[in-house]
Amino acid sequence: MIDERVVVGAELFKDAQGRWKSDKRDRGPYLPLLALALIDPDEIWTRLEWHFAKKKAVVRRRYIVRFEIEGSQAPMLVAFELGEDGWSGTTAFQGVTQSADDWRVGVRLYRRAGDGNG
């Protein structure tokens, strides 16, 4: 894996008021999968993007992992994206809205050995 340290704890996934962060699609139950994406990713990608508010380039890392979800015909894709300007998390069922290739942006830094997912 890459030599990067990220502290993973409950505080990472809570807002300033101490409430759990979740997206607009009621996928709160999948929030723990974001932590697993950081801890044991299938792939790690990095890219440099322009941060207009700060007027400078920002390095962002994207940790991607696939999970088989009971009762679902397609695997769930989970991406945790981290940069100096904060983090974002995304969950989607592969093939429903996006393919795994849509999530691969920038330069791949890491790929799990034996991962046949592209």
C-alpha atoms as a PDB file:
ATOM      1  CA  MET A   1       0.000   0.000   0.000  1.00  0.00           C
ATOM      2  CA  ILE A   2       1.091   3.643   0.001  1.00  0.00           C
ATOM      3  CA  ASP A   3       2.848   5.261   2.936  1.00  0.00           C
ATOM      4  CA  GLU A   4       0.074   7.559   4.182  1.00  0.00           C
ATOM      5  CA  ARG A   5      -1.450   7.835   7.617  1.00  0.00           C
ATOM      6  CA  VAL A   6      -5.110   8.697   8.096  1.00  0.00           C
ATOM      7  CA  VAL A   7      -6.757   8.584  11.504  1.00  0.00           C
ATOM      8  CA  VAL A   8     -10.029   6.661  11.147  1.00  0.00           C
ATOM      9  CA  GLY A   9     -12.483   7.138  13.975  1.00  0.00           C
ATOM     10  CA  ALA A  10     -16.072   8.135  14.617  1.00  0.00           C
ATOM     11  CA  GLU A  11     -15.180  11.853  14.594  1.00  0.00           C
ATOM     12  CA  LEU A  12     -14.140  11.629  10.954  1.00  0.00           C
ATOM     13  CA  PHE A  13     -17.739  10.781  10.035  1.00  0.00           C
ATOM     14  CA  LYS A  14     -19.545  13.342  12.208  1.00  0.00           C
ATOM     15  CA  ASP A  15     -20.359  16.982  11.543  1.00  0.00           C
ATOM     16  CA  ALA A  16     -19.555  19.901  13.847  1.00  0.00           C
ATOM     17  CA  GLN A  17     -22.727  19.194  15.884  1.00  0.00           C
ATOM     18  CA  GLY A  18     -21.738  15.561  16.446  1.00  0.00           C
ATOM     19  CA  ARG A  19     -24.345  14.117  14.041  1.00  0.00           C
ATOM     20  CA  TRP A  20     -23.458  11.343  11.596  1.00  0.00           C
ATOM     21  CA  LYS A  21     -22.817  12.586   8.070  1.00  0.00           C
ATOM     22  CA  SER A  22     -24.822  10.892   5.345  1.00  0.00           C
ATOM     23  CA  ASP A  23     -25.746  11.603   1.774  1.00  0.00           C
ATOM     24  CA  LYS A  24     -29.068  12.674   0.299  1.00  0.00           C
ATOM     25  CA  ARG A  25     -30.071   9.153  -0.785  1.00  0.00           C
ATOM     26  CA  ASP A  26     -30.616   7.734   2.708  1.00  0.00           C
ATOM     27  CA  ARG A  27     -27.535   5.569   2.518  1.00  0.00           C
ATOM     28  CA  GLY A  28     -26.619   6.213   6.147  1.00  0.00           C
ATOM     29  CA  PRO A  29     -26.492   2.458   6.876  1.00  0.00           C
ATOM     30  CA  TYR A  30     -23.585   2.198   4.416  1.00  0.00           C
ATOM     31  CA  LEU A  31     -21.527   4.898   6.188  1.00  0.00           C
ATOM     32  CA  PRO A  32     -19.291   2.305   7.924  1.00  0.00           C
ATOM     33  CA  LEU A  33     -18.262   1.077   4.466  1.00  0.00           C
ATOM     34  CA  LEU A  34     -16.505   4.424   3.929  1.00  0.00           C
ATOM     35  CA  ALA A  35     -14.214   3.627   6.855  1.00  0.00           C
ATOM     36  CA  LEU A  36     -13.489   0.212   5.355  1.00  0.00           C
ATOM     37  CA  ALA A  37     -12.611   1.872   2.049  1.00  0.00           C
ATOM     38  CA  LEU A  38      -9.870   3.769   3.879  1.00  0.00           C
ATOM     39  CA  ILE A  39      -8.676   0.820   5.936  1.00  0.00           C
ATOM     40  CA  ASP A  40      -8.663  -1.872   3.232  1.00  0.00           C
ATOM     41  CA  PRO A  41      -9.175  -0.388  -0.266  1.00  0.00           C
ATOM     42  CA  ASP A  42      -9.199  -2.276  -3.550  1.00  0.00           C
ATOM     43  CA  GLU A  43      -7.579   0.697  -5.287  1.00  0.00           C
ATOM     44  CA  ILE A  44      -6.127   4.102  -4.443  1.00  0.00           C
ATOM     45  CA  TRP A  45      -6.055   6.873  -7.037  1.00  0.00           C
ATOM     46  CA  THR A  46      -4.645  10.394  -6.832  1.00  0.00           C
ATOM     47  CA  ARG A  47      -5.085  13.529  -8.846  1.00  0.00           C
ATOM     48  CA  LEU A  48      -4.230  17.203  -8.757  1.00  0.00           C
ATOM     49  CA  GLU A  49      -7.153  19.590  -9.121  1.00  0.00           C
ATOM     50  CA  TRP A  50      -7.578  23.324  -8.932  1.00  0.00           C
ATOM     51  CA  HIS A  51      -9.299  24.653  -5.801  1.00  0.00           C
ATOM     52  CA  PHE A  52     -10.898  27.887  -6.989  1.00  0.00           C
ATOM     53  CA  ALA A  53     -11.672  29.292  -3.526  1.00  0.00           C
ATOM     54  CA  LYS A  54      -8.089  28.813  -2.323  1.00  0.00           C
ATOM     55  CA  LYS A  55      -6.610  29.678  -5.724  1.00  0.00           C
ATOM     56  CA  LYS A  56      -4.200  26.777  -5.631  1.00  0.00           C
ATOM     57  CA  ALA A  57      -3.798  23.158  -6.681  1.00  0.00           C
ATOM     58  CA  VAL A  58      -4.963  20.489  -4.220  1.00  0.00           C
ATOM     59  CA  VAL A  59      -3.896  16.827  -4.184  1.00  0.00           C
ATOM     60  CA  ARG A  60      -6.848  14.477  -3.682  1.00  0.00           C
ATOM     61  CA  ARG A  61      -6.737  10.742  -3.031  1.00  0.00           C
ATOM     62  CA  ARG A  62      -9.618   8.403  -3.828  1.00  0.00           C
ATOM     63  CA  TYR A  63      -9.912   5.070  -2.000  1.00  0.00           C
ATOM     64  CA  ILE A  64     -12.195   2.646  -3.833  1.00  0.00           C
ATOM     65  CA  VAL A  65     -13.603  -0.666  -2.638  1.00  0.00           C
ATOM     66  CA  ARG A  66     -16.339  -3.022  -3.881  1.00  0.00           C
ATOM     67  CA  PHE A  67     -18.718  -4.879  -1.589  1.00  0.00           C
ATOM     68  CA  GLU A  68     -21.236  -7.600  -2.262  1.00  0.00           C
ATOM     69  CA  ILE A  69     -24.483  -6.522  -0.561  1.00  0.00           C
ATOM     70  CA  GLU A  70     -26.968  -9.236   0.352  1.00  0.00           C
ATOM     71  CA  GLY A  71     -30.108  -8.938  -1.753  1.00  0.00           C
ATOM     72  CA  SER A  72     -28.434  -6.829  -4.443  1.00  0.00           C
ATOM     73  CA  GLN A  73     -27.634  -8.128  -7.902  1.00  0.00           C
ATOM     74  CA  ALA A  74     -24.752  -5.687  -8.407  1.00  0.00           C
ATOM     75  CA  PRO A  75     -21.829  -4.925  -6.106  1.00  0.00           C
ATOM     76  CA  MET A  76     -21.767  -1.656  -4.224  1.00  0.00           C
ATOM     77  CA  LEU A  77     -18.944   0.715  -5.079  1.00  0.00           C
ATOM     78  CA  VAL A  78     -17.655   2.860  -2.241  1.00  0.00           C
ATOM     79  CA  ALA A  79     -15.267   5.762  -2.695  1.00  0.00           C
ATOM     80  CA  PHE A  80     -13.715   7.846   0.054  1.00  0.00           C
ATOM     81  CA  GLU A  81     -12.008  10.937  -1.292  1.00  0.00           C
ATOM     82  CA  LEU A  82      -9.558  12.898   0.848  1.00  0.00           C
ATOM     83  CA  GLY A  83      -7.685  16.157   0.345  1.00  0.00           C
ATOM     84  CA  GLU A  84      -6.437  19.069   2.416  1.00  0.00           C
ATOM     85  CA  ASP A  85      -9.802  20.731   1.771  1.00  0.00           C
ATOM     86  CA  GLY A  86     -11.735  17.889   3.427  1.00  0.00           C
ATOM     87  CA  TRP A  87     -13.285  14.593   2.446  1.00  0.00           C
ATOM     88  CA  SER A  88     -16.293  13.244   0.606  1.00  0.00           C
ATOM     89  CA  GLY A  89     -17.817   9.814   0.385  1.00  0.00           C
ATOM     90  CA  THR A  90     -19.870   8.177  -2.313  1.00  0.00           C
ATOM     91  CA  THR A  91     -21.794   4.912  -2.500  1.00  0.00           C
ATOM     92  CA  ALA A  92     -23.464   3.537  -5.623  1.00  0.00           C
ATOM     93  CA  PHE A  93     -24.477   0.194  -7.000  1.00  0.00           C
ATOM     94  CA  GLN A  94     -22.219  -0.713  -9.919  1.00  0.00           C
ATOM     95  CA  GLY A  95     -24.008  -0.576 -13.248  1.00  0.00           C
ATOM     96  CA  VAL A  96     -26.951   1.412 -11.886  1.00  0.00           C
ATOM     97  CA  THR A  97     -25.513   4.916 -12.111  1.00  0.00           C
ATOM     98  CA  GLN A  98     -21.833   4.402 -12.871  1.00  0.00           C
ATOM     99  CA  SER A  99     -19.268   1.765 -13.700  1.00  0.00           C
ATOM    100  CA  ALA A 100     -16.084   1.211 -11.704  1.00  0.00           C
ATOM    101  CA  ASP A 101     -14.113   2.874 -14.519  1.00  0.00           C
ATOM    102  CA  ASP A 102     -16.040   6.117 -13.958  1.00  0.00           C
ATOM    103  CA  TRP A 103     -14.525   6.254 -10.469  1.00  0.00           C
ATOM    104  CA  ARG A 104     -10.954   5.802 -11.650  1.00  0.00           C
ATOM    105  CA  VAL A 105      -9.622   9.329 -12.034  1.00  0.00           C
ATOM    106  CA  GLY A 106      -5.978  10.383 -12.078  1.00  0.00           C
ATOM    107  CA  VAL A 107      -3.062   8.064 -11.418  1.00  0.00           C
ATOM    108  CA  ARG A 108      -3.462   4.699  -9.706  1.00  0.00           C
ATOM    109  CA  LEU A 109      -1.149   4.419  -6.696  1.00  0.00           C
ATOM    110  CA  TYR A 110      -2.282   1.032  -5.424  1.00  0.00           C
ATOM    111  CA  ARG A 111      -4.268  -1.997  -6.506  1.00  0.00           C
ATOM    112  CA  ARG A 112      -5.034  -4.962  -4.277  1.00  0.00           C
ATOM    113  CA  ALA A 113      -3.023  -7.989  -5.398  1.00  0.00           C
ATOM    114  CA  GLY A 114      -5.158 -10.495  -7.257  1.00  0.00           C
ATOM    115  CA  ASP A 115      -7.966  -7.988  -7.824  1.00  0.00           C
ATOM    116  CA  GLY A 116      -9.526  -8.944 -11.141  1.00  0.00           C
ATOM    117  CA  ASN A 117     -11.861  -5.936 -11.231  1.00  0.00           C
ATOM    118  CA  GLY A 118     -10.072  -4.040 -13.960  1.00  0.00           C
END
